Amino acid sequence: MTTFQPTLNGVSADISAPKAAATPDKATPAVSAKTWIAVIGATLGAFMAVLNIQIVNASLADIQGAIGAGIDDGGWISTSYLIAEIVVIPLSGWLAQVFSVRIYLLTNAVLFLLLSIACAFAQDLPQMIVLRAVQGFTGGVLIPMAFTLIITLLPKAKQPVGLALFALSATFAPAIGPTIGGYLTENFGWQFIFYVNLVPGAVMIGMLWFSLEAKPMKLSLLREGDWAGIITMAIGLSALQTVLEEGNKDDWFGSPFIVKFSVIAAVALTAFLWIELTAKKPLLNLRLLFRGNFGFGILANFLLGVALYGSVFILPVYLSRIQGYNAEQIGMVLAWTGLPQLLLIPLVPRLMRRFDPRLIIGIGFALFAASNFMNIYMTNDYATDQLFWPNIVRALGQALVMAPLSAVATAGIEAENAGSASGLFNMMRNLGGAVGIALLQTLLTKREQYHSNMLMQSVSMLEQATRTRIDQLTQYFINHGVVDRAEASHRAVIAIGHIVQKQAFILAFSDTFYLLGAALIVALMAALLLRKPDHLEGGGAH
């Protein structure tokens, strides 16, 4: 059995699981059972870490009510997790070298479960924010480490299978999260969204304990660490994530708080880029971005994050605000963006063997874009039935994109650069999600104001249709117990205002889907610039 021990310069992990045994037939290399157990265990951890974000978001209102948090402050329950996660993802390759993959993964997996239980017992908002932040640090480790194991342990011919497993965490987990979260919250209480991690978490820990070999820690590497890069990256990404999460609520640059954090993010991230491009042993090898396939793959993956997390954000908001759905009803609608992926993703490696993976990526992005364009003409009656086919098309598109995009983008990445590639690839998808949600929140607010102004121009007392409608509503309120005609007339005017505002929001939601579709068209264009890797010539592995 052999192990990878990549160098510090590449900040990859020393992968402490058995590598596939060499075989005379290079076209069909054998992969040991322990290797597959390591890969499956790690991808299960990544699935849980991503799922946890969406499950909690689906139940945020219930959690806020239970711990006495306001709507604005309660948002930090999710923000604290996301900040910690996006900071630790690019650190994981180096930290895995320092502590060894076995110790690093198992420690964070155990802590992730313990913190899940602790969150269920949080008594107030400060406790919950701290616990979620620490949980974000542990959960964020599980995502890039699964990706690193796949692209270092598995031979090129078998990587499409591993990447298909990883796609379940990257695209299926966000889609199915609101379904699980809504069901658990409505039927058992919000605490169970944290308890749900326990059984699969125990399975994950058992698999990793069995499959990852013990290796000595290399604590001496701490002295050689790129501490300037680590500090500037942590400050920059934390500030940027805060700006993106809080910007729309605080009126962006009209807020001194947002301006201050924007400046901090710009200065820190600029310093980080300079440090990484000049350091002898950088935390992340940013020069990978200048490789054609990886650079265009990162761009496509960033835009995939915009659309993936953006659509998971905007659909529940629409169904709650416009249609009045509760968490469980929203989950049932979104289930059709998840369940088809569960059936299709396992078939993607076979498609990659038969067809050019770039063709599969292109079809996936085209379908995902089409699913959003199907929603740009929404009406007051646009609900479960009308969303069914767009959600099915979206599920097909998402399922087709992730595995082949990961395979093409990371083709040719050396073992010593695996940690950098994994950190960058996964960080940029999550950052894309944060940017996408911030853009959608702002667009929704601005476009609702625009459409309200446009619609109100048609609602005038000088118009006979408006006066007729007010008379009808006035009579309606009189017939339903309002004695004073002036009061009934006042209520009629307010009711018309609500109707106009609701219609303005529907038009604004249509605009958000247009933006998501446009982002995916750009992603499709980036995907068209990818070159076919040598090991996937002829359609892929045989």
Protein backbone atom coordinates (compact mmCIF):
# COMPACT_ATOMS: atom_id res chain seq x y z
CA MET A 1 0.00 0.00 0.00
CA THR A 2 1.23 3.49 -0.77
CA THR A 3 0.33 6.92 0.51
CA PHE A 4 0.57 10.38 -0.96
CA GLN A 5 2.69 12.87 0.96
CA PRO A 6 2.41 16.11 -1.02
CA THR A 7 4.70 19.01 -0.16
CA LEU A 8 3.86 22.07 1.90
CA ASN A 9 4.19 24.28 -1.16
CA GLY A 10 1.12 22.65 -2.63
CA VAL A 11 -0.66 22.67 0.75
CA SER A 12 -2.15 19.33 -0.06
CA ALA A 13 -2.95 16.76 2.58
CA ASP A 14 -0.77 13.76 3.29
CA ILE A 15 -3.47 11.36 2.23
CA SER A 16 -3.39 8.58 4.78
CA ALA A 17 -5.53 6.00 3.05
CA PRO A 18 -4.44 3.14 0.82
CA LYS A 19 -3.94 4.10 -2.77
CA ALA A 20 -5.32 1.95 -5.51
CA ALA A 21 -3.11 -1.03 -6.11
CA ALA A 22 -1.20 -1.01 -9.35
CA THR A 23 -2.40 -3.41 -11.97
CA PRO A 24 -0.97 -4.55 -15.26
CA ASP A 25 -4.00 -3.20 -17.07
CA LYS A 26 -3.64 0.55 -16.76
CA ALA A 27 -6.99 1.12 -18.43
CA THR A 28 -8.87 -0.56 -15.59
CA PRO A 29 -6.93 0.06 -12.37
CA ALA A 30 -8.18 -1.66 -9.26
CA VAL A 31 -9.15 0.43 -6.27
CA SER A 32 -9.00 -1.15 -2.82
CA ALA A 33 -12.09 -1.40 -0.64
CA LYS A 34 -10.44 0.79 2.01
CA THR A 35 -9.93 3.56 -0.52
CA TRP A 36 -13.59 3.52 -1.50
CA ILE A 37 -14.64 3.49 2.16
CA ALA A 38 -12.43 6.54 2.77
CA VAL A 39 -13.90 8.36 -0.21
CA ILE A 40 -17.51 7.48 0.65
CA GLY A 41 -17.03 8.39 4.32
CA ALA A 42 -15.50 11.74 3.42
CA THR A 43 -18.21 12.59 0.87
CA LEU A 44 -20.86 11.70 3.45
CA GLY A 45 -19.25 14.28 5.72
CA ALA A 46 -19.29 16.89 2.95
CA PHE A 47 -22.96 16.09 2.29
CA MET A 48 -23.83 16.66 5.95
CA ALA A 49 -21.88 19.93 6.13
CA VAL A 50 -23.68 21.42 3.10
CA LEU A 51 -27.05 19.98 4.12
CA ASN A 52 -26.72 21.59 7.55
CA ILE A 53 -26.72 25.08 6.02
CA GLN A 54 -29.99 24.65 4.16
CA ILE A 55 -31.74 22.70 6.91
CA VAL A 56 -31.06 25.49 9.40
CA ASN A 57 -32.06 28.22 6.92
CA ALA A 58 -35.40 26.46 6.36
CA SER A 59 -36.11 26.56 10.10
CA LEU A 60 -34.56 29.92 10.96
CA ALA A 61 -37.86 31.58 11.90
CA ASP A 62 -38.66 28.84 14.41
CA ILE A 63 -35.17 28.98 15.92
CA GLN A 64 -35.35 32.77 16.23
CA GLY A 65 -38.67 32.52 18.06
CA ALA A 66 -37.42 29.80 20.40
CA ILE A 67 -34.30 31.65 21.55
CA GLY A 68 -35.83 35.13 21.52
CA ALA A 69 -33.87 36.53 18.58
CA GLY A 70 -35.13 39.29 16.30
CA ILE A 71 -35.35 38.82 12.55
CA ASP A 72 -32.30 40.95 11.82
CA ASP A 73 -30.06 39.63 14.58
CA GLY A 74 -31.25 36.07 14.04
CA GLY A 75 -29.67 36.10 10.60
CA TRP A 76 -26.29 35.80 12.30
CA ILE A 77 -27.19 32.19 13.15
CA SER A 78 -26.54 31.37 9.51
CA THR A 79 -23.97 34.11 8.83
CA SER A 80 -21.62 32.97 11.60
CA TYR A 81 -21.60 29.42 10.19
CA LEU A 82 -20.98 30.62 6.63
CA ILE A 83 -18.13 32.96 7.65
CA ALA A 84 -16.34 30.21 9.54
CA GLU A 85 -16.88 27.70 6.74
CA ILE A 86 -15.57 29.91 3.94
CA VAL A 87 -12.45 30.77 5.98
CA VAL A 88 -11.54 27.19 6.89
CA ILE A 89 -12.05 25.67 3.42
CA PRO A 90 -8.81 27.05 1.93
CA LEU A 91 -6.94 26.29 5.19
CA SER A 92 -7.85 22.62 5.27
CA GLY A 93 -5.17 21.27 2.93
CA TRP A 94 -2.36 22.76 5.00
CA LEU A 95 -3.91 21.88 8.38
CA ALA A 96 -4.37 18.29 7.21
CA GLN A 97 -0.62 18.14 6.60
CA VAL A 98 0.13 19.53 10.03
CA PHE A 99 -2.16 17.19 11.98
CA SER A 100 -2.40 14.28 9.46
CA VAL A 101 -5.53 13.52 7.48
CA ARG A 102 -6.78 10.88 9.92
CA ILE A 103 -6.53 13.06 13.04
CA TYR A 104 -7.72 16.21 11.27
CA LEU A 105 -10.77 14.64 9.62
CA LEU A 106 -11.83 12.50 12.57
CA THR A 107 -11.42 15.33 15.08
CA ASN A 108 -13.51 17.71 13.03
CA ALA A 109 -16.12 15.06 12.27
CA VAL A 110 -16.57 14.32 15.99
CA LEU A 111 -16.67 18.02 16.87
CA PHE A 112 -19.23 18.64 14.13
CA LEU A 113 -21.61 16.12 15.71
CA LEU A 114 -21.02 17.35 19.27
CA LEU A 115 -21.69 20.92 18.19
CA SER A 116 -24.87 19.82 16.42
CA ILE A 117 -26.16 18.49 19.74
CA ALA A 118 -25.01 21.62 21.55
CA CYS A 119 -26.88 23.87 19.09
CA ALA A 120 -30.12 22.06 19.92
CA PHE A 121 -29.65 23.10 23.57
CA ALA A 122 -28.72 26.74 22.93
CA GLN A 123 -30.63 29.05 25.28
CA ASP A 124 -30.10 32.45 23.66
CA LEU A 125 -28.77 34.15 20.54
CA PRO A 126 -25.13 34.72 21.64
CA GLN A 127 -24.81 31.02 22.54
CA MET A 128 -26.27 29.94 19.22
CA ILE A 129 -24.04 32.28 17.19
CA VAL A 130 -20.87 31.04 18.92
CA LEU A 131 -21.85 27.39 18.57
CA ARG A 132 -22.76 27.81 14.90
CA ALA A 133 -19.48 29.61 14.18
CA VAL A 134 -17.42 26.81 15.71
CA GLN A 135 -19.58 24.24 13.93
CA GLY A 136 -18.90 26.10 10.68
CA PHE A 137 -15.16 25.68 11.22
CA THR A 138 -15.59 21.93 11.68
CA GLY A 139 -18.16 21.46 8.90
CA GLY A 140 -16.11 23.53 6.48
CA VAL A 141 -13.24 21.06 6.85
CA LEU A 142 -15.35 18.16 5.60
CA ILE A 143 -16.08 19.70 2.18
CA PRO A 144 -12.60 20.28 0.70
CA MET A 145 -11.11 17.19 2.34
CA ALA A 146 -13.63 14.97 0.55
CA PHE A 147 -12.72 16.62 -2.75
CA THR A 148 -8.98 16.25 -2.03
CA LEU A 149 -9.33 12.54 -1.22
CA ILE A 150 -11.16 11.95 -4.50
CA ILE A 151 -8.60 13.65 -6.75
CA THR A 152 -5.59 12.16 -4.97
CA LEU A 153 -6.62 8.66 -3.91
CA LEU A 154 -8.57 7.61 -6.99
CA PRO A 155 -6.89 6.99 -10.35
CA LYS A 156 -8.01 9.29 -13.14
CA ALA A 157 -10.21 6.58 -14.64
CA LYS A 158 -12.19 6.23 -11.41
CA GLN A 159 -12.42 9.88 -10.45
CA PRO A 160 -15.74 10.47 -12.28
CA VAL A 161 -17.37 8.01 -9.85
CA GLY A 162 -15.88 9.80 -6.84
CA LEU A 163 -16.83 13.19 -8.22
CA ALA A 164 -20.39 11.97 -8.79
CA LEU A 165 -20.50 11.09 -5.09
CA PHE A 166 -19.18 14.56 -4.29
CA ALA A 167 -21.87 16.10 -6.50
CA LEU A 168 -24.46 14.70 -4.10
CA SER A 169 -23.04 17.07 -1.47
CA ALA A 170 -22.51 20.01 -3.82
CA THR A 171 -25.86 20.07 -5.66
CA PHE A 172 -28.23 17.49 -4.17
CA ALA A 173 -27.74 18.52 -0.52
CA PRO A 174 -28.68 22.21 -1.05
CA ALA A 175 -31.74 21.16 -3.05
CA ILE A 176 -33.05 18.61 -0.54
CA GLY A 177 -32.10 20.60 2.61
CA PRO A 178 -35.29 22.72 2.79
CA THR A 179 -37.40 19.58 2.35
CA ILE A 180 -35.79 17.80 5.28
CA GLY A 181 -35.63 20.95 7.41
CA GLY A 182 -39.25 21.86 6.80
CA TYR A 183 -40.52 18.35 7.56
CA LEU A 184 -38.54 17.99 10.79
CA THR A 185 -39.46 21.46 12.05
CA GLU A 186 -43.19 21.17 11.36
CA ASN A 187 -43.53 17.62 12.75
CA PHE A 188 -40.93 17.26 15.50
CA GLY A 189 -39.55 20.70 16.40
CA TRP A 190 -36.53 22.72 15.31
CA GLN A 191 -34.14 20.83 17.62
CA PHE A 192 -34.38 17.77 15.35
CA ILE A 193 -32.67 19.60 12.48
CA PHE A 194 -29.52 19.24 14.59
CA TYR A 195 -30.22 15.71 15.84
CA VAL A 196 -30.61 14.45 12.27
CA ASN A 197 -26.81 14.59 11.89
CA LEU A 198 -26.16 11.95 14.54
CA VAL A 199 -26.81 8.66 12.74
CA PRO A 200 -25.11 9.48 9.41
CA GLY A 201 -22.37 11.22 11.39
CA ALA A 202 -21.68 8.08 13.41
CA VAL A 203 -21.50 6.07 10.16
CA MET A 204 -19.09 8.64 8.68
CA ILE A 205 -16.79 8.50 11.71
CA GLY A 206 -16.77 4.71 11.65
CA MET A 207 -15.85 4.63 7.96
CA LEU A 208 -13.06 7.18 8.36
CA TRP A 209 -11.71 5.46 11.48
CA PHE A 210 -11.48 2.16 9.60
CA SER A 211 -10.09 3.44 6.31
CA LEU A 212 -7.63 6.22 7.17
CA GLU A 213 -4.23 5.01 8.35
CA ALA A 214 -2.52 6.64 11.32
CA LYS A 215 0.30 9.00 10.40
CA PRO A 216 2.49 11.14 12.65
CA MET A 217 1.62 14.79 12.97
CA LYS A 218 4.03 17.36 11.51
CA LEU A 219 3.67 20.15 14.04
CA SER A 220 6.99 21.58 12.90
CA LEU A 221 5.17 22.79 9.79
CA LEU A 222 3.38 25.34 11.95
CA ARG A 223 6.62 27.33 12.11
CA GLU A 224 6.86 27.33 8.31
CA GLY A 225 3.25 28.25 7.73
CA ASP A 226 2.24 31.18 5.54
CA TRP A 227 0.90 33.08 8.52
CA ALA A 228 0.71 36.41 6.74
CA GLY A 229 -1.42 34.79 4.04
CA ILE A 230 -3.57 32.97 6.60
CA ILE A 231 -4.27 36.13 8.62
CA THR A 232 -5.03 38.37 5.62
CA MET A 233 -7.22 35.68 4.04
CA ALA A 234 -9.18 35.07 7.25
CA ILE A 235 -9.75 38.80 7.82
CA GLY A 236 -10.59 39.48 4.16
CA LEU A 237 -12.99 36.60 3.68
CA SER A 238 -14.72 37.20 7.04
CA ALA A 239 -15.24 40.87 6.21
CA LEU A 240 -16.41 40.10 2.67
CA GLN A 241 -18.88 37.45 3.85
CA THR A 242 -20.23 39.88 6.46
CA VAL A 243 -20.70 42.58 3.81
CA LEU A 244 -22.53 40.17 1.50
CA GLU A 245 -24.78 38.81 4.26
CA GLU A 246 -25.67 42.15 5.86
CA GLY A 247 -25.37 44.59 2.94
CA ASN A 248 -28.92 44.64 1.66
CA LYS A 249 -30.42 44.83 5.14
CA ASP A 250 -28.16 47.80 6.04
CA ASP A 251 -28.63 49.64 2.71
CA TRP A 252 -25.16 48.74 1.50
CA PHE A 253 -22.81 51.75 1.32
CA GLY A 254 -25.32 53.95 3.05
CA SER A 255 -24.21 52.16 6.21
CA PRO A 256 -20.89 53.10 7.91
CA PHE A 257 -20.68 49.49 9.14
CA ILE A 258 -20.79 48.12 5.57
CA VAL A 259 -18.35 50.75 4.29
CA LYS A 260 -15.86 49.90 7.06
CA PHE A 261 -16.03 46.17 6.42
CA SER A 262 -15.83 46.67 2.65
CA VAL A 263 -12.59 48.60 3.06
CA ILE A 264 -11.22 45.93 5.39
CA ALA A 265 -12.14 43.19 2.89
CA ALA A 266 -10.58 45.05 -0.05
CA VAL A 267 -7.31 45.81 1.75
CA ALA A 268 -6.94 42.36 3.33
CA LEU A 269 -7.75 40.39 0.18
CA THR A 270 -5.46 42.55 -1.95
CA ALA A 271 -2.65 41.90 0.54
CA PHE A 272 -3.49 38.19 0.50
CA LEU A 273 -3.22 38.00 -3.30
CA TRP A 274 0.15 39.78 -3.24
CA ILE A 275 1.47 37.52 -0.47
CA GLU A 276 0.35 34.31 -2.19
CA LEU A 277 1.91 35.29 -5.52
CA THR A 278 5.25 36.23 -3.96
CA ALA A 279 5.68 33.79 -1.04
CA LYS A 280 8.05 30.82 -1.40
CA LYS A 281 5.62 28.52 0.40
CA PRO A 282 2.15 30.03 -0.11
CA LEU A 283 -0.98 28.81 1.61
CA LEU A 284 -2.69 28.48 -1.79
CA ASN A 285 -1.01 28.11 -5.15
CA LEU A 286 -2.93 30.86 -6.96
CA ARG A 287 -0.94 30.25 -10.12
CA LEU A 288 -3.27 27.33 -10.74
CA LEU A 289 -5.84 29.93 -11.78
CA PHE A 290 -3.72 30.74 -14.84
CA ARG A 291 -4.08 27.19 -16.14
CA GLY A 292 -6.80 27.32 -18.77
CA ASN A 293 -9.05 24.50 -17.64
CA PHE A 294 -8.78 25.25 -13.93
CA GLY A 295 -9.27 29.00 -14.42
CA PHE A 296 -12.35 28.65 -16.65
CA GLY A 297 -13.58 25.82 -14.41
CA ILE A 298 -13.33 28.08 -11.35
CA LEU A 299 -15.32 30.80 -13.15
CA ALA A 300 -18.02 28.34 -14.17
CA ASN A 301 -18.07 26.89 -10.65
CA PHE A 302 -18.40 30.38 -9.10
CA LEU A 303 -21.41 31.11 -11.32
CA LEU A 304 -22.82 27.67 -10.54
CA GLY A 305 -22.67 28.68 -6.86
CA VAL A 306 -24.48 31.93 -7.67
CA ALA A 307 -27.35 30.05 -9.31
CA LEU A 308 -27.34 26.98 -7.06
CA TYR A 309 -27.53 28.78 -3.72
CA GLY A 310 -29.40 31.72 -5.21
CA SER A 311 -32.28 29.55 -6.41
CA VAL A 312 -32.39 27.69 -3.08
CA PHE A 313 -32.71 31.11 -1.42
CA ILE A 314 -35.21 32.80 -3.72
CA LEU A 315 -37.78 30.02 -4.14
CA PRO A 316 -38.57 29.63 -0.40
CA VAL A 317 -38.81 33.42 -0.05
CA TYR A 318 -41.29 33.55 -2.94
CA LEU A 319 -43.40 30.65 -1.67
CA SER A 320 -43.50 32.05 1.85
CA ARG A 321 -44.11 35.71 1.03
CA ILE A 322 -46.42 35.40 -1.98
CA GLN A 323 -48.14 32.03 -1.52
CA GLY A 324 -48.09 31.85 2.29
CA TYR A 325 -46.52 28.38 2.44
CA ASN A 326 -45.07 27.02 5.67
CA ALA A 327 -41.66 25.34 5.92
CA GLU A 328 -42.98 21.84 5.20
CA GLN A 329 -45.00 22.96 2.16
CA ILE A 330 -41.96 24.77 0.79
CA GLY A 331 -39.89 21.65 1.33
CA MET A 332 -42.34 19.55 -0.66
CA VAL A 333 -42.10 21.95 -3.62
CA LEU A 334 -38.30 21.98 -3.54
CA ALA A 335 -38.13 18.20 -3.23
CA TRP A 336 -38.52 18.02 -7.02
CA THR A 337 -35.22 19.84 -7.42
CA GLY A 338 -33.54 17.19 -5.30
CA LEU A 339 -35.08 13.77 -5.82
CA PRO A 340 -34.41 13.53 -9.59
CA GLN A 341 -30.75 14.33 -8.89
CA LEU A 342 -30.53 11.35 -6.58
CA LEU A 343 -31.50 9.13 -9.51
CA LEU A 344 -29.48 10.87 -12.23
CA ILE A 345 -26.15 11.70 -10.55
CA PRO A 346 -25.09 8.02 -10.23
CA LEU A 347 -25.54 7.71 -14.02
CA VAL A 348 -23.26 10.67 -14.83
CA PRO A 349 -19.99 8.66 -14.73
CA ARG A 350 -21.42 6.35 -17.42
CA LEU A 351 -22.37 9.35 -19.53
CA MET A 352 -18.82 10.66 -19.12
CA ARG A 353 -17.49 7.36 -20.51
CA ARG A 354 -19.66 7.62 -23.60
CA PHE A 355 -19.72 11.34 -24.34
CA ASP A 356 -17.37 14.29 -24.22
CA PRO A 357 -17.68 15.63 -20.63
CA ARG A 358 -17.70 19.20 -21.97
CA LEU A 359 -20.90 18.37 -23.87
CA ILE A 360 -22.48 17.09 -20.65
CA ILE A 361 -21.42 20.27 -18.81
CA GLY A 362 -22.88 22.43 -21.58
CA ILE A 363 -26.20 20.57 -21.59
CA GLY A 364 -26.32 20.80 -17.80
CA PHE A 365 -25.78 24.56 -17.73
CA ALA A 366 -28.27 25.03 -20.61
CA LEU A 367 -30.96 23.08 -18.74
CA PHE A 368 -30.27 24.89 -15.48
CA ALA A 369 -30.50 28.25 -17.27
CA ALA A 370 -33.71 27.18 -19.04
CA SER A 371 -35.31 26.23 -15.72
CA ASN A 372 -34.83 29.80 -14.51
CA PHE A 373 -36.07 31.38 -17.74
CA MET A 374 -39.22 29.24 -17.37
CA ASN A 375 -40.01 31.30 -14.24
CA ILE A 376 -39.72 34.83 -15.66
CA TYR A 377 -43.45 35.23 -16.37
CA MET A 378 -44.86 34.55 -12.91
CA THR A 379 -48.41 35.43 -11.91
CA ASN A 380 -50.43 35.52 -8.72
CA ASP A 381 -51.37 31.86 -9.22
CA TYR A 382 -47.80 30.66 -9.80
CA ALA A 383 -47.32 27.97 -7.14
CA THR A 384 -46.70 24.23 -6.74
CA ASP A 385 -48.09 23.02 -10.07
CA GLN A 386 -46.48 25.78 -12.11
CA LEU A 387 -43.09 25.23 -10.45
CA PHE A 388 -43.07 21.46 -11.02
CA TRP A 389 -41.53 21.34 -14.50
CA PRO A 390 -39.03 24.17 -13.93
CA ASN A 391 -37.85 22.32 -10.82
CA ILE A 392 -37.51 19.05 -12.75
CA VAL A 393 -35.50 20.76 -15.50
CA ARG A 394 -33.37 22.46 -12.87
CA ALA A 395 -32.70 19.11 -11.18
CA LEU A 396 -31.57 17.55 -14.47
CA GLY A 397 -29.26 20.47 -15.20
CA GLN A 398 -27.66 20.50 -11.75
CA ALA A 399 -27.11 16.75 -11.81
CA LEU A 400 -25.27 16.92 -15.14
CA VAL A 401 -22.94 19.80 -14.29
CA MET A 402 -21.00 19.12 -11.12
CA ALA A 403 -19.10 15.85 -11.67
CA PRO A 404 -17.88 16.51 -15.24
CA LEU A 405 -17.01 20.14 -14.41
CA SER A 406 -14.92 19.00 -11.44
CA ALA A 407 -13.22 16.31 -13.55
CA VAL A 408 -12.31 18.64 -16.41
CA ALA A 409 -11.26 21.54 -14.18
CA THR A 410 -8.94 19.46 -11.98
CA ALA A 411 -7.47 17.30 -14.75
CA GLY A 412 -3.70 17.57 -14.71
CA ILE A 413 -3.55 18.88 -11.14
CA GLU A 414 -0.48 17.36 -9.47
CA ALA A 415 -0.73 15.64 -6.09
CA GLU A 416 1.24 18.44 -4.42
CA ASN A 417 -1.31 20.98 -5.70
CA ALA A 418 -4.41 18.95 -4.80
CA GLY A 419 -5.01 20.86 -1.56
CA SER A 420 -4.81 24.23 -3.29
CA ALA A 421 -7.10 23.08 -6.11
CA SER A 422 -9.65 21.67 -3.68
CA GLY A 423 -9.60 24.75 -1.45
CA LEU A 424 -9.98 27.18 -4.36
CA PHE A 425 -12.63 25.15 -6.19
CA ASN A 426 -14.88 24.71 -3.17
CA MET A 427 -14.28 28.17 -1.70
CA MET A 428 -15.25 29.85 -4.98
CA ARG A 429 -18.50 27.90 -5.26
CA ASN A 430 -19.47 28.92 -1.71
CA LEU A 431 -18.37 32.50 -2.35
CA GLY A 432 -20.48 32.48 -5.51
CA GLY A 433 -23.44 31.45 -3.37
CA ALA A 434 -22.87 34.35 -0.98
CA VAL A 435 -22.54 36.83 -3.86
CA GLY A 436 -25.62 35.39 -5.57
CA ILE A 437 -27.83 35.67 -2.49
CA ALA A 438 -26.65 39.24 -1.85
CA LEU A 439 -27.37 40.21 -5.47
CA LEU A 440 -30.81 38.60 -5.37
CA GLN A 441 -31.76 40.30 -2.11
CA THR A 442 -30.77 43.67 -3.51
CA LEU A 443 -32.41 43.05 -6.89
CA LEU A 444 -35.62 41.92 -5.21
CA THR A 445 -35.76 45.09 -3.11
CA LYS A 446 -34.91 47.49 -5.95
CA ARG A 447 -37.14 45.86 -8.55
CA GLU A 448 -40.11 45.70 -6.16
CA GLN A 449 -39.75 49.45 -5.66
CA TYR A 450 -39.50 49.99 -9.41
CA HIS A 451 -42.54 47.87 -10.24
CA SER A 452 -44.55 49.45 -7.40
CA ASN A 453 -43.88 52.90 -8.81
CA MET A 454 -44.84 51.77 -12.31
CA LEU A 455 -48.03 50.05 -11.18
CA MET A 456 -49.13 52.94 -8.95
CA GLN A 457 -49.12 55.23 -11.97
CA SER A 458 -52.05 53.17 -13.28
CA VAL A 459 -53.88 53.24 -9.94
CA SER A 460 -55.34 56.74 -9.82
CA MET A 461 -58.58 58.14 -8.49
CA LEU A 462 -58.93 59.79 -11.88
CA GLU A 463 -59.33 56.33 -13.41
CA GLN A 464 -62.88 54.92 -13.50
CA ALA A 465 -61.58 51.35 -13.00
CA THR A 466 -59.86 52.39 -9.75
CA ARG A 467 -62.95 54.15 -8.39
CA THR A 468 -65.11 51.15 -9.29
CA ARG A 469 -62.74 48.76 -7.54
CA ILE A 470 -62.67 50.92 -4.40
CA ASP A 471 -66.47 51.03 -4.35
CA GLN A 472 -66.63 47.24 -4.66
CA LEU A 473 -64.16 46.70 -1.83
CA THR A 474 -65.88 49.32 0.33
CA GLN A 475 -69.18 47.48 -0.05
CA TYR A 476 -67.39 44.18 0.71
CA PHE A 477 -66.09 45.52 4.05
CA ILE A 478 -69.51 46.99 4.92
CA ASN A 479 -71.10 43.61 4.23
CA HIS A 480 -68.53 42.01 6.56
CA GLY A 481 -69.15 44.09 9.65
CA VAL A 482 -67.59 47.52 9.09
CA VAL A 483 -70.32 49.98 10.05
CA ASP A 484 -68.62 53.29 9.20
CA ARG A 485 -68.47 53.83 5.43
CA ALA A 486 -65.38 56.08 5.72
CA GLU A 487 -63.54 53.27 7.56
CA ALA A 488 -64.67 50.77 4.94
CA SER A 489 -63.40 53.06 2.17
CA HIS A 490 -60.06 53.47 3.99
CA ARG A 491 -59.67 49.71 4.23
CA ALA A 492 -60.48 49.41 0.53
CA VAL A 493 -57.65 51.80 -0.36
CA ILE A 494 -55.23 49.87 1.88
CA ALA A 495 -56.33 46.59 0.27
CA ILE A 496 -55.59 47.96 -3.20
CA GLY A 497 -52.16 49.05 -1.95
CA HIS A 498 -51.47 45.50 -0.77
CA ILE A 499 -52.61 44.08 -4.11
CA VAL A 500 -50.28 46.43 -5.98
CA GLN A 501 -47.36 45.60 -3.68
CA LYS A 502 -47.94 41.87 -4.07
CA GLN A 503 -48.01 42.18 -7.85
CA ALA A 504 -44.83 44.27 -7.73
CA PHE A 505 -43.12 41.54 -5.70
CA ILE A 506 -44.23 38.87 -8.19
CA LEU A 507 -42.71 40.88 -11.04
CA ALA A 508 -39.53 41.38 -8.97
CA PHE A 509 -39.24 37.63 -8.33
CA SER A 510 -39.54 37.07 -12.07
CA ASP A 511 -36.61 39.46 -12.53
CA THR A 512 -34.47 37.49 -10.06
CA PHE A 513 -34.94 34.32 -12.09
CA TYR A 514 -33.90 36.22 -15.19
CA LEU A 515 -30.67 37.19 -13.43
CA LEU A 516 -29.99 33.59 -12.42
CA GLY A 517 -30.57 32.41 -15.99
CA ALA A 518 -28.19 35.08 -17.33
CA ALA A 519 -25.48 34.04 -14.84
CA LEU A 520 -25.76 30.45 -16.06
CA ILE A 521 -25.46 31.53 -19.69
CA VAL A 522 -22.14 33.16 -18.77
CA ALA A 523 -21.15 29.93 -16.99
CA LEU A 524 -22.03 28.02 -20.16
CA MET A 525 -19.78 30.33 -22.18
CA ALA A 526 -16.91 29.70 -19.74
CA ALA A 527 -17.51 25.95 -20.00
CA LEU A 528 -17.25 26.15 -23.81
CA LEU A 529 -13.65 27.36 -23.38
CA LEU A 530 -12.61 24.19 -21.52
CA ARG A 531 -10.24 21.78 -23.25
CA LYS A 532 -10.79 18.04 -23.12
CA PRO A 533 -8.29 16.39 -20.74
CA ASP A 534 -6.09 13.63 -22.12
CA HIS A 535 -7.34 11.00 -19.67
CA LEU A 536 -10.91 11.64 -20.82
CA GLU A 537 -10.17 11.25 -24.51
CA GLY A 538 -12.68 8.92 -26.10
CA GLY A 539 -15.36 9.87 -23.61
CA GLY A 540 -13.70 8.99 -20.34
CA ALA A 541 -12.67 5.95 -18.40
CA HIS A 542 -13.14 2.49 -19.70
